[in-house]
Amino acid sequence: MNVICKVYKNKVCLLKLRSIMEEANQVISYVAYLLPAIVVGLIAYYFFKGHIKNEEGRRRYLVQKEAQNKILPARLQAYERLSLLLERIDPNKLLIRVKPFADEIDKYEKLLIQNIEQEFDHNVSQQIYVSPECWNLINAAKNATIHVIRQAAMHEKANNADGMREYMLRNFMEEVTPSQKALAYIKKEVSELF
């Protein structure tokens, strides 16, 4: 009986082993069918991922280029207006353009400063089109010009408005004015646009 059990057990073991082998073969055949599909899927994923990234970059570039083409004329116009502002508040040109209407230095000083502030206020919106450094330099040029006018008004040689005007014109004939320094920076910044 022991021999029969052993033979029976061996047959059962062989049957089990055979069924396991058949299942393994079936799994291997499934993997053989799935493996190429997985490889193709991964390749397609990476290909389309790169393609989508390139397309997104190209679209972003085109939108940026179109926006730049639309904003460039506005920026150039802003630089033109700010150049005109600096020319108009330049002490040499301001003193020639704005003549004193009375002999009192205080009134002439206020008239010059009012003229500068008015010119500046007309162009304050242009700051959104220029760099912060450029705008700060323009603002500094305006403040330096006002400071120079106030200093000239306190100068002891200037005893009337015409005397103050002559004193300032003489002093600025040979010096580089704050407006000229800011104008040079604007020219440099505009040249960087191209």
N, C-alpha and C. Protein backbone atom coordinates (compact mmCIF):
# COMPACT_ATOMS: atom_id res chain seq x y z
N MET A 1 0.81 -1.19 0.00
CA MET A 1 0.00 0.00 0.00
C MET A 1 0.86 1.26 0.00
N ASN A 2 1.99 1.16 0.66
CA ASN A 2 2.91 2.28 0.67
C ASN A 2 3.40 2.62 -0.72
N VAL A 3 3.63 1.64 -1.50
CA VAL A 3 4.13 1.85 -2.85
C VAL A 3 3.05 2.53 -3.67
N ILE A 4 1.82 2.11 -3.49
CA ILE A 4 0.71 2.70 -4.23
C ILE A 4 0.55 4.17 -3.82
N CYS A 5 0.70 4.44 -2.57
CA CYS A 5 0.58 5.83 -2.08
C CYS A 5 1.68 6.69 -2.66
N LYS A 6 2.87 6.09 -2.72
CA LYS A 6 3.98 6.86 -3.27
C LYS A 6 3.75 7.16 -4.74
N VAL A 7 3.29 6.16 -5.46
CA VAL A 7 3.04 6.36 -6.88
C VAL A 7 1.90 7.35 -7.05
N TYR A 8 0.89 7.20 -6.26
CA TYR A 8 -0.26 8.10 -6.33
C TYR A 8 0.18 9.53 -6.00
N LYS A 9 1.01 9.66 -4.97
CA LYS A 9 1.49 10.97 -4.57
C LYS A 9 2.36 11.58 -5.67
N ASN A 10 3.17 10.77 -6.30
CA ASN A 10 4.02 11.26 -7.38
C ASN A 10 3.18 11.75 -8.55
N LYS A 11 2.11 10.97 -8.85
CA LYS A 11 1.24 11.40 -9.95
C LYS A 11 0.55 12.71 -9.60
N VAL A 12 0.10 12.81 -8.38
CA VAL A 12 -0.55 14.05 -7.94
C VAL A 12 0.45 15.19 -7.99
N CYS A 13 1.64 14.90 -7.54
CA CYS A 13 2.69 15.94 -7.56
C CYS A 13 3.00 16.33 -9.00
N LEU A 14 3.08 15.34 -9.88
CA LEU A 14 3.36 15.63 -11.27
C LEU A 14 2.22 16.42 -11.91
N LEU A 15 1.01 16.07 -11.56
CA LEU A 15 -0.15 16.81 -12.08
C LEU A 15 -0.13 18.26 -11.58
N LYS A 16 0.18 18.39 -10.31
CA LYS A 16 0.25 19.75 -9.76
C LYS A 16 1.38 20.53 -10.42
N LEU A 17 2.50 19.86 -10.58
CA LEU A 17 3.64 20.51 -11.21
C LEU A 17 3.31 20.89 -12.65
N ARG A 18 2.61 20.01 -13.33
CA ARG A 18 2.23 20.28 -14.71
C ARG A 18 1.27 21.46 -14.78
N SER A 19 0.31 21.50 -13.87
CA SER A 19 -0.64 22.64 -13.88
C SER A 19 0.07 23.95 -13.54
N ILE A 20 1.05 23.86 -12.64
CA ILE A 20 1.83 25.07 -12.29
C ILE A 20 2.63 25.52 -13.50
N MET A 21 3.21 24.55 -14.22
CA MET A 21 3.99 24.88 -15.41
C MET A 21 3.10 25.49 -16.49
N GLU A 22 1.90 24.96 -16.62
CA GLU A 22 0.97 25.50 -17.61
C GLU A 22 0.56 26.93 -17.23
N GLU A 23 0.33 27.16 -15.97
CA GLU A 23 -0.01 28.52 -15.50
C GLU A 23 1.18 29.47 -15.72
N ALA A 24 2.38 28.97 -15.44
CA ALA A 24 3.57 29.79 -15.65
C ALA A 24 3.75 30.10 -17.13
N ASN A 25 3.53 29.14 -17.97
CA ASN A 25 3.61 29.36 -19.41
C ASN A 25 2.57 30.37 -19.86
N GLN A 26 1.40 30.27 -19.29
CA GLN A 26 0.32 31.21 -19.64
C GLN A 26 0.69 32.63 -19.18
N VAL A 27 1.24 32.76 -17.98
CA VAL A 27 1.66 34.07 -17.46
C VAL A 27 2.79 34.62 -18.33
N ILE A 28 3.73 33.75 -18.69
CA ILE A 28 4.85 34.19 -19.54
C ILE A 28 4.33 34.64 -20.90
N SER A 29 3.34 33.92 -21.44
CA SER A 29 2.79 34.34 -22.74
C SER A 29 2.06 35.69 -22.60
N TYR A 30 1.36 35.90 -21.48
CA TYR A 30 0.71 37.21 -21.26
C TYR A 30 1.75 38.32 -21.18
N VAL A 31 2.83 38.04 -20.43
CA VAL A 31 3.91 39.03 -20.30
C VAL A 31 4.54 39.28 -21.66
N ALA A 32 4.68 38.22 -22.45
CA ALA A 32 5.27 38.37 -23.78
C ALA A 32 4.40 39.26 -24.66
N TYR A 33 3.09 39.16 -24.47
CA TYR A 33 2.20 40.04 -25.24
C TYR A 33 2.18 41.46 -24.67
N LEU A 34 2.23 41.58 -23.34
CA LEU A 34 2.14 42.90 -22.69
C LEU A 34 3.45 43.69 -22.75
N LEU A 35 4.59 43.03 -22.73
CA LEU A 35 5.87 43.73 -22.70
C LEU A 35 6.05 44.69 -23.87
N PRO A 36 5.81 44.27 -25.11
CA PRO A 36 5.95 45.24 -26.20
C PRO A 36 4.97 46.41 -26.08
N ALA A 37 3.76 46.12 -25.61
CA ALA A 37 2.77 47.20 -25.44
C ALA A 37 3.23 48.20 -24.38
N ILE A 38 3.82 47.69 -23.29
CA ILE A 38 4.32 48.57 -22.22
C ILE A 38 5.48 49.41 -22.74
N VAL A 39 6.39 48.79 -23.47
CA VAL A 39 7.54 49.53 -24.03
C VAL A 39 7.06 50.61 -24.99
N VAL A 40 6.13 50.26 -25.88
CA VAL A 40 5.59 51.26 -26.83
C VAL A 40 4.87 52.37 -26.06
N GLY A 41 4.13 52.00 -25.03
CA GLY A 41 3.43 53.01 -24.22
C GLY A 41 4.39 53.98 -23.55
N LEU A 42 5.47 53.45 -22.96
CA LEU A 42 6.47 54.32 -22.32
C LEU A 42 7.15 55.24 -23.33
N ILE A 43 7.51 54.68 -24.48
CA ILE A 43 8.15 55.51 -25.51
C ILE A 43 7.18 56.59 -25.98
N ALA A 44 5.93 56.24 -26.19
CA ALA A 44 4.94 57.22 -26.62
C ALA A 44 4.74 58.29 -25.55
N TYR A 45 4.72 57.88 -24.29
CA TYR A 45 4.55 58.85 -23.19
C TYR A 45 5.68 59.87 -23.19
N TYR A 46 6.92 59.41 -23.25
CA TYR A 46 8.06 60.33 -23.23
C TYR A 46 8.12 61.18 -24.50
N PHE A 47 7.76 60.60 -25.62
CA PHE A 47 7.75 61.37 -26.86
C PHE A 47 6.71 62.48 -26.79
N PHE A 48 5.49 62.14 -26.38
CA PHE A 48 4.44 63.15 -26.32
C PHE A 48 4.68 64.17 -25.21
N LYS A 49 5.30 63.73 -24.13
CA LYS A 49 5.65 64.66 -23.06
C LYS A 49 6.62 65.73 -23.58
N GLY A 50 7.65 65.28 -24.30
CA GLY A 50 8.61 66.22 -24.89
C GLY A 50 7.97 67.10 -25.95
N HIS A 51 7.11 66.52 -26.75
CA HIS A 51 6.42 67.27 -27.80
C HIS A 51 5.51 68.34 -27.20
N ILE A 52 4.77 67.99 -26.17
CA ILE A 52 3.87 68.95 -25.52
C ILE A 52 4.69 70.07 -24.88
N LYS A 53 5.81 69.71 -24.27
CA LYS A 53 6.67 70.73 -23.65
C LYS A 53 7.21 71.69 -24.71
N ASN A 54 7.64 71.16 -25.85
CA ASN A 54 8.13 72.01 -26.94
C ASN A 54 7.02 72.91 -27.49
N GLU A 55 5.84 72.34 -27.66
CA GLU A 55 4.72 73.14 -28.17
C GLU A 55 4.33 74.25 -27.20
N GLU A 56 4.34 73.92 -25.92
CA GLU A 56 4.02 74.93 -24.90
C GLU A 56 5.05 76.05 -24.91
N GLY A 57 6.32 75.69 -25.02
CA GLY A 57 7.38 76.70 -25.11
C GLY A 57 7.25 77.54 -26.36
N ARG A 58 6.90 76.92 -27.48
CA ARG A 58 6.73 77.66 -28.73
C ARG A 58 5.56 78.62 -28.62
N ARG A 59 4.45 78.15 -28.05
CA ARG A 59 3.28 79.03 -27.88
C ARG A 59 3.61 80.20 -26.96
N ARG A 60 4.32 79.91 -25.87
CA ARG A 60 4.70 80.97 -24.93
C ARG A 60 5.59 82.00 -25.63
N TYR A 61 6.53 81.52 -26.45
CA TYR A 61 7.41 82.40 -27.20
C TYR A 61 6.62 83.27 -28.16
N LEU A 62 5.67 82.67 -28.88
CA LEU A 62 4.87 83.44 -29.84
C LEU A 62 4.01 84.49 -29.14
N VAL A 63 3.44 84.13 -28.00
CA VAL A 63 2.62 85.10 -27.24
C VAL A 63 3.50 86.23 -26.73
N GLN A 64 4.69 85.87 -26.23
CA GLN A 64 5.61 86.90 -25.73
C GLN A 64 6.08 87.81 -26.87
N LYS A 65 6.36 87.22 -28.02
CA LYS A 65 6.81 88.01 -29.16
C LYS A 65 5.70 88.95 -29.63
N GLU A 66 4.48 88.45 -29.67
CA GLU A 66 3.35 89.29 -30.08
C GLU A 66 3.12 90.43 -29.08
N ALA A 67 3.21 90.10 -27.80
CA ALA A 67 3.05 91.13 -26.76
C ALA A 67 4.16 92.17 -26.86
N GLN A 68 5.37 91.69 -27.12
CA GLN A 68 6.49 92.63 -27.23
C GLN A 68 6.31 93.54 -28.44
N ASN A 69 5.81 92.98 -29.54
CA ASN A 69 5.56 93.81 -30.73
C ASN A 69 4.49 94.86 -30.46
N LYS A 70 3.55 94.54 -29.60
CA LYS A 70 2.50 95.50 -29.27
C LYS A 70 2.98 96.52 -28.25
N ILE A 71 3.82 96.11 -27.31
CA ILE A 71 4.24 97.01 -26.23
C ILE A 71 5.45 97.85 -26.61
N LEU A 72 6.25 97.38 -27.57
CA LEU A 72 7.45 98.13 -27.94
C LEU A 72 7.15 99.55 -28.39
N PRO A 73 6.15 99.79 -29.23
CA PRO A 73 5.85 101.18 -29.59
C PRO A 73 5.46 102.04 -28.38
N ALA A 74 4.72 101.45 -27.45
CA ALA A 74 4.34 102.19 -26.24
C ALA A 74 5.56 102.51 -25.38
N ARG A 75 6.48 101.56 -25.28
CA ARG A 75 7.70 101.80 -24.51
C ARG A 75 8.55 102.89 -25.16
N LEU A 76 8.67 102.84 -26.47
CA LEU A 76 9.45 103.86 -27.17
C LEU A 76 8.81 105.24 -27.00
N GLN A 77 7.49 105.28 -27.06
CA GLN A 77 6.80 106.55 -26.85
C GLN A 77 7.04 107.06 -25.43
N ALA A 78 7.06 106.16 -24.47
CA ALA A 78 7.33 106.56 -23.08
C ALA A 78 8.74 107.14 -22.96
N TYR A 79 9.70 106.48 -23.59
CA TYR A 79 11.07 107.01 -23.56
C TYR A 79 11.14 108.38 -24.23
N GLU A 80 10.40 108.55 -25.31
CA GLU A 80 10.37 109.86 -25.97
C GLU A 80 9.80 110.93 -25.05
N ARG A 81 8.70 110.60 -24.41
CA ARG A 81 8.07 111.58 -23.51
C ARG A 81 8.95 111.91 -22.32
N LEU A 82 9.63 110.90 -21.79
CA LEU A 82 10.52 111.15 -20.66
C LEU A 82 11.76 111.93 -21.10
N SER A 83 12.20 111.72 -22.32
CA SER A 83 13.32 112.52 -22.85
C SER A 83 12.89 113.97 -22.98
N LEU A 84 11.69 114.17 -23.45
CA LEU A 84 11.16 115.53 -23.56
C LEU A 84 11.02 116.16 -22.18
N LEU A 85 10.56 115.39 -21.20
CA LEU A 85 10.47 115.88 -19.82
C LEU A 85 11.83 116.34 -19.33
N LEU A 86 12.84 115.51 -19.54
CA LEU A 86 14.18 115.87 -19.07
C LEU A 86 14.73 117.10 -19.79
N GLU A 87 14.42 117.22 -21.07
CA GLU A 87 14.83 118.41 -21.81
C GLU A 87 14.13 119.66 -21.26
N ARG A 88 12.88 119.51 -20.94
CA ARG A 88 12.11 120.67 -20.47
C ARG A 88 12.47 121.10 -19.04
N ILE A 89 12.92 120.14 -18.20
CA ILE A 89 13.30 120.52 -16.83
C ILE A 89 14.80 120.76 -16.70
N ASP A 90 15.53 120.61 -17.78
CA ASP A 90 16.96 120.92 -17.75
C ASP A 90 17.11 122.40 -17.39
N PRO A 91 17.90 122.72 -16.37
CA PRO A 91 17.99 124.12 -15.91
C PRO A 91 18.33 125.11 -17.02
N ASN A 92 19.24 124.76 -17.92
CA ASN A 92 19.61 125.69 -18.99
C ASN A 92 18.41 126.04 -19.87
N LYS A 93 17.62 125.06 -20.21
CA LYS A 93 16.46 125.29 -21.08
C LYS A 93 15.28 125.86 -20.31
N LEU A 94 15.12 125.42 -19.07
CA LEU A 94 14.02 125.91 -18.23
C LEU A 94 14.17 127.40 -17.96
N LEU A 95 15.38 127.82 -17.65
CA LEU A 95 15.62 129.24 -17.33
C LEU A 95 15.44 130.13 -18.55
N ILE A 96 15.72 129.62 -19.72
CA ILE A 96 15.52 130.41 -20.94
C ILE A 96 14.04 130.47 -21.28
N ARG A 97 13.34 129.35 -21.08
CA ARG A 97 11.92 129.28 -21.44
C ARG A 97 11.03 130.02 -20.43
N VAL A 98 11.34 129.90 -19.15
CA VAL A 98 10.51 130.52 -18.10
C VAL A 98 11.24 131.75 -17.57
N LYS A 99 10.76 132.89 -17.98
CA LYS A 99 11.37 134.15 -17.56
C LYS A 99 10.64 134.68 -16.33
N PRO A 100 11.36 135.42 -15.48
CA PRO A 100 10.69 135.97 -14.29
C PRO A 100 9.70 137.06 -14.68
N PHE A 101 8.54 137.05 -14.02
CA PHE A 101 7.54 138.08 -14.29
C PHE A 101 7.56 139.16 -13.23
N ALA A 102 8.39 138.97 -12.18
CA ALA A 102 8.54 139.98 -11.13
C ALA A 102 9.98 139.92 -10.64
N ASP A 103 10.37 140.87 -9.81
CA ASP A 103 11.74 140.91 -9.29
C ASP A 103 11.96 140.02 -8.08
N GLU A 104 10.89 139.52 -7.48
CA GLU A 104 11.02 138.75 -6.25
C GLU A 104 11.54 137.34 -6.54
N ILE A 105 12.61 136.99 -5.83
CA ILE A 105 13.24 135.68 -6.02
C ILE A 105 12.29 134.55 -5.63
N ASP A 106 11.55 134.72 -4.54
CA ASP A 106 10.65 133.66 -4.06
C ASP A 106 9.60 133.31 -5.11
N LYS A 107 9.05 134.31 -5.76
CA LYS A 107 8.03 134.06 -6.78
C LYS A 107 8.63 133.34 -7.99
N TYR A 108 9.83 133.73 -8.39
CA TYR A 108 10.48 133.08 -9.53
C TYR A 108 10.85 131.64 -9.18
N GLU A 109 11.34 131.45 -7.95
CA GLU A 109 11.67 130.09 -7.49
C GLU A 109 10.42 129.20 -7.54
N LYS A 110 9.31 129.70 -7.01
CA LYS A 110 8.06 128.93 -7.01
C LYS A 110 7.58 128.66 -8.43
N LEU A 111 7.74 129.63 -9.32
CA LEU A 111 7.33 129.46 -10.71
C LEU A 111 8.15 128.36 -11.39
N LEU A 112 9.46 128.37 -11.17
CA LEU A 112 10.32 127.34 -11.76
C LEU A 112 9.98 125.95 -11.21
N ILE A 113 9.83 125.86 -9.90
CA ILE A 113 9.52 124.57 -9.27
C ILE A 113 8.13 124.09 -9.70
N GLN A 114 7.19 124.99 -9.79
CA GLN A 114 5.85 124.64 -10.24
C GLN A 114 5.89 124.11 -11.68
N ASN A 115 6.69 124.75 -12.51
CA ASN A 115 6.86 124.31 -13.89
C ASN A 115 7.44 122.89 -13.96
N ILE A 116 8.45 122.64 -13.14
CA ILE A 116 9.07 121.31 -13.10
C ILE A 116 8.07 120.26 -12.61
N GLU A 117 7.38 120.56 -11.53
CA GLU A 117 6.40 119.62 -10.97
C GLU A 117 5.27 119.34 -11.96
N GLN A 118 4.84 120.36 -12.66
CA GLN A 118 3.77 120.19 -13.64
C GLN A 118 4.22 119.28 -14.79
N GLU A 119 5.42 119.52 -15.28
CA GLU A 119 5.97 118.67 -16.33
C GLU A 119 6.09 117.22 -15.86
N PHE A 120 6.56 117.06 -14.64
CA PHE A 120 6.74 115.72 -14.08
C PHE A 120 5.38 115.02 -13.91
N ASP A 121 4.39 115.74 -13.39
CA ASP A 121 3.07 115.16 -13.17
C ASP A 121 2.42 114.71 -14.48
N HIS A 122 2.71 115.43 -15.55
CA HIS A 122 2.15 115.04 -16.85
C HIS A 122 2.73 113.72 -17.36
N ASN A 123 3.89 113.37 -16.87
CA ASN A 123 4.58 112.18 -17.38
C ASN A 123 4.75 111.07 -16.36
N VAL A 124 4.11 111.17 -15.23
CA VAL A 124 4.28 110.18 -14.17
C VAL A 124 3.79 108.79 -14.58
N SER A 125 2.82 108.72 -15.47
CA SER A 125 2.29 107.42 -15.90
C SER A 125 3.27 106.65 -16.78
N GLN A 126 4.30 107.30 -17.27
CA GLN A 126 5.26 106.64 -18.15
C GLN A 126 6.17 105.67 -17.40
N GLN A 127 6.14 105.73 -16.08
CA GLN A 127 7.03 104.88 -15.29
C GLN A 127 6.73 103.39 -15.46
N ILE A 128 5.52 103.04 -15.89
CA ILE A 128 5.21 101.62 -16.06
C ILE A 128 5.89 101.02 -17.28
N TYR A 129 6.39 101.85 -18.18
CA TYR A 129 7.03 101.36 -19.41
C TYR A 129 8.55 101.33 -19.34
N VAL A 130 9.12 101.89 -18.28
CA VAL A 130 10.58 101.94 -18.18
C VAL A 130 11.03 101.14 -16.96
N SER A 131 12.31 100.87 -16.90
CA SER A 131 12.84 100.10 -15.77
C SER A 131 12.80 100.95 -14.50
N PRO A 132 12.75 100.29 -13.35
CA PRO A 132 12.76 101.05 -12.08
C PRO A 132 14.00 101.92 -11.92
N GLU A 133 15.14 101.43 -12.40
CA GLU A 133 16.38 102.23 -12.30
C GLU A 133 16.25 103.51 -13.11
N CYS A 134 15.69 103.40 -14.29
CA CYS A 134 15.51 104.57 -15.16
C CYS A 134 14.57 105.57 -14.50
N TRP A 135 13.46 105.07 -13.98
CA TRP A 135 12.49 105.97 -13.35
C TRP A 135 13.09 106.64 -12.12
N ASN A 136 13.85 105.90 -11.33
CA ASN A 136 14.48 106.48 -10.14
C ASN A 136 15.48 107.56 -10.54
N LEU A 137 16.18 107.35 -11.63
CA LEU A 137 17.14 108.35 -12.11
C LEU A 137 16.42 109.62 -12.58
N ILE A 138 15.30 109.45 -13.25
CA ILE A 138 14.51 110.61 -13.71
C ILE A 138 13.97 111.38 -12.51
N ASN A 139 13.48 110.64 -11.54
CA ASN A 139 12.97 111.27 -10.32
C ASN A 139 14.09 112.00 -9.58
N ALA A 140 15.26 111.39 -9.53
CA ALA A 140 16.42 112.03 -8.89
C ALA A 140 16.84 113.29 -9.64
N ALA A 141 16.77 113.25 -10.97
CA ALA A 141 17.12 114.44 -11.77
C ALA A 141 16.16 115.59 -11.48
N LYS A 142 14.89 115.25 -11.37
CA LYS A 142 13.88 116.28 -11.04
C LYS A 142 14.17 116.88 -9.66
N ASN A 143 14.40 116.02 -8.68
CA ASN A 143 14.65 116.50 -7.32
C ASN A 143 15.96 117.28 -7.23
N ALA A 144 16.98 116.85 -7.95
CA ALA A 144 18.26 117.58 -7.94
C ALA A 144 18.10 118.96 -8.57
N THR A 145 17.31 119.04 -9.64
CA THR A 145 17.08 120.34 -10.29
C THR A 145 16.34 121.28 -9.34
N ILE A 146 15.34 120.76 -8.65
CA ILE A 146 14.60 121.59 -7.68
C ILE A 146 15.54 122.03 -6.56
N HIS A 147 16.39 121.13 -6.11
CA HIS A 147 17.34 121.47 -5.05
C HIS A 147 18.30 122.58 -5.50
N VAL A 148 18.77 122.49 -6.74
CA VAL A 148 19.68 123.52 -7.26
C VAL A 148 18.97 124.87 -7.35
N ILE A 149 17.72 124.85 -7.76
CA ILE A 149 16.95 126.11 -7.84
C ILE A 149 16.80 126.72 -6.45
N ARG A 150 16.51 125.89 -5.47
CA ARG A 150 16.36 126.40 -4.09
C ARG A 150 17.68 126.94 -3.56
N GLN A 151 18.78 126.26 -3.88
CA GLN A 151 20.09 126.75 -3.45
C GLN A 151 20.40 128.09 -4.11
N ALA A 152 20.09 128.21 -5.39
CA ALA A 152 20.37 129.46 -6.10
C ALA A 152 19.52 130.59 -5.53
N ALA A 153 18.30 130.28 -5.10
CA ALA A 153 17.43 131.32 -4.52
C ALA A 153 18.00 131.81 -3.19
N MET A 154 18.73 130.96 -2.49
CA MET A 154 19.30 131.36 -1.20
C MET A 154 20.69 131.99 -1.35
N HIS A 155 21.24 131.94 -2.56
CA HIS A 155 22.58 132.47 -2.78
C HIS A 155 22.58 133.97 -2.56
N GLU A 156 23.60 134.45 -1.90
CA GLU A 156 23.63 135.87 -1.53
C GLU A 156 23.87 136.81 -2.71
N LYS A 157 24.48 136.31 -3.82
CA LYS A 157 24.72 137.17 -4.97
C LYS A 157 23.44 137.47 -5.73
N ALA A 158 22.48 136.59 -5.60
CA ALA A 158 21.22 136.80 -6.32
C ALA A 158 20.31 137.69 -5.47
N ASN A 159 20.21 138.95 -5.88
CA ASN A 159 19.39 139.88 -5.10
C ASN A 159 18.02 140.12 -5.74
N ASN A 160 17.83 139.65 -6.95
CA ASN A 160 16.51 139.70 -7.59
C ASN A 160 16.37 138.49 -8.52
N ALA A 161 15.21 138.32 -9.12
CA ALA A 161 14.92 137.14 -9.95
C ALA A 161 15.85 137.06 -11.16
N ASP A 162 16.11 138.21 -11.79
CA ASP A 162 17.02 138.20 -12.94
C ASP A 162 18.44 137.83 -12.53
N GLY A 163 18.85 138.31 -11.36
CA GLY A 163 20.19 137.97 -10.85
C GLY A 163 20.30 136.48 -10.57
N MET A 164 19.25 135.89 -10.01
CA MET A 164 19.24 134.45 -9.74
C MET A 164 19.31 133.67 -11.05
N ARG A 165 18.57 134.13 -12.02
CA ARG A 165 18.54 133.46 -13.34
C ARG A 165 19.92 133.51 -13.99
N GLU A 166 20.57 134.67 -13.97
CA GLU A 166 21.90 134.81 -14.55
C GLU A 166 22.93 133.95 -13.81
N TYR A 167 22.82 133.93 -12.48
CA TYR A 167 23.74 133.14 -11.66
C TYR A 167 23.62 131.65 -12.04
N MET A 168 22.38 131.15 -12.15
CA MET A 168 22.17 129.74 -12.48
C MET A 168 22.64 129.42 -13.90
N LEU A 169 22.35 130.30 -14.85
CA LEU A 169 22.78 130.06 -16.23
C LEU A 169 24.30 130.01 -16.32
N ARG A 170 24.98 130.89 -15.62
CA ARG A 170 26.44 130.90 -15.62
C ARG A 170 26.99 129.60 -15.02
N ASN A 171 26.40 129.16 -13.92
CA ASN A 171 26.88 127.95 -13.25
C ASN A 171 26.64 126.68 -14.08
N PHE A 172 25.55 126.63 -14.83
CA PHE A 172 25.22 125.41 -15.56
C PHE A 172 25.74 125.39 -16.99
N MET A 173 26.36 126.45 -17.43
CA MET A 173 26.89 126.46 -18.80
C MET A 173 27.98 125.41 -18.97
N GLU A 174 28.81 125.22 -17.97
CA GLU A 174 29.94 124.31 -18.08
C GLU A 174 29.71 122.97 -17.40
N GLU A 175 28.70 122.86 -16.56
CA GLU A 175 28.44 121.62 -15.82
C GLU A 175 27.49 120.69 -16.57
N VAL A 176 27.59 119.43 -16.24
CA VAL A 176 26.61 118.45 -16.74
C VAL A 176 25.44 118.49 -15.77
N THR A 177 24.26 118.77 -16.30
CA THR A 177 23.08 118.89 -15.44
C THR A 177 22.53 117.51 -15.09
N PRO A 178 21.75 117.42 -14.01
CA PRO A 178 21.12 116.14 -13.66
C PRO A 178 20.26 115.59 -14.80
N SER A 179 19.60 116.47 -15.52
CA SER A 179 18.76 116.03 -16.63
C SER A 179 19.60 115.40 -17.74
N GLN A 180 20.78 115.95 -18.00
CA GLN A 180 21.65 115.39 -19.04
C GLN A 180 22.16 114.00 -18.65
N LYS A 181 22.42 113.80 -17.35
CA LYS A 181 22.85 112.48 -16.88
C LYS A 181 21.72 111.46 -17.06
N ALA A 182 20.51 111.87 -16.69
CA ALA A 182 19.36 110.95 -16.83
C ALA A 182 19.06 110.68 -18.29
N LEU A 183 19.21 111.68 -19.13
CA LEU A 183 18.98 111.51 -20.57
C LEU A 183 19.99 110.53 -21.18
N ALA A 184 21.21 110.57 -20.71
CA ALA A 184 22.23 109.62 -21.19
C ALA A 184 21.84 108.20 -20.79
N TYR A 185 21.29 108.03 -19.59
CA TYR A 185 20.84 106.70 -19.16
C TYR A 185 19.67 106.22 -20.01
N ILE A 186 18.75 107.11 -20.33
CA ILE A 186 17.61 106.73 -21.18
C ILE A 186 18.11 106.26 -22.55
N LYS A 187 19.06 106.99 -23.11
CA LYS A 187 19.61 106.59 -24.41
C LYS A 187 20.25 105.21 -24.33
N LYS A 188 20.95 104.95 -23.26
CA LYS A 188 21.59 103.65 -23.06
C LYS A 188 20.52 102.55 -22.96
N GLU A 189 19.47 102.82 -22.21
CA GLU A 189 18.42 101.82 -22.03
C GLU A 189 17.66 101.55 -23.33
N VAL A 190 17.42 102.59 -24.11
CA VAL A 190 16.73 102.40 -25.38
C VAL A 190 17.61 101.62 -26.34
N SER A 191 18.91 101.87 -26.32
CA SER A 191 19.81 101.13 -27.21
C SER A 191 19.83 99.64 -26.86
N GLU A 192 19.55 99.29 -25.61
CA GLU A 192 19.51 97.89 -25.20
C GLU A 192 18.25 97.18 -25.69
N LEU A 193 17.24 97.95 -26.08
CA LEU A 193 16.01 97.34 -26.60
C LEU A 193 16.24 96.72 -27.96
N PHE A 194 17.22 97.23 -28.67
CA PHE A 194 17.47 96.75 -30.04
C PHE A 194 18.72 95.98 -30.05
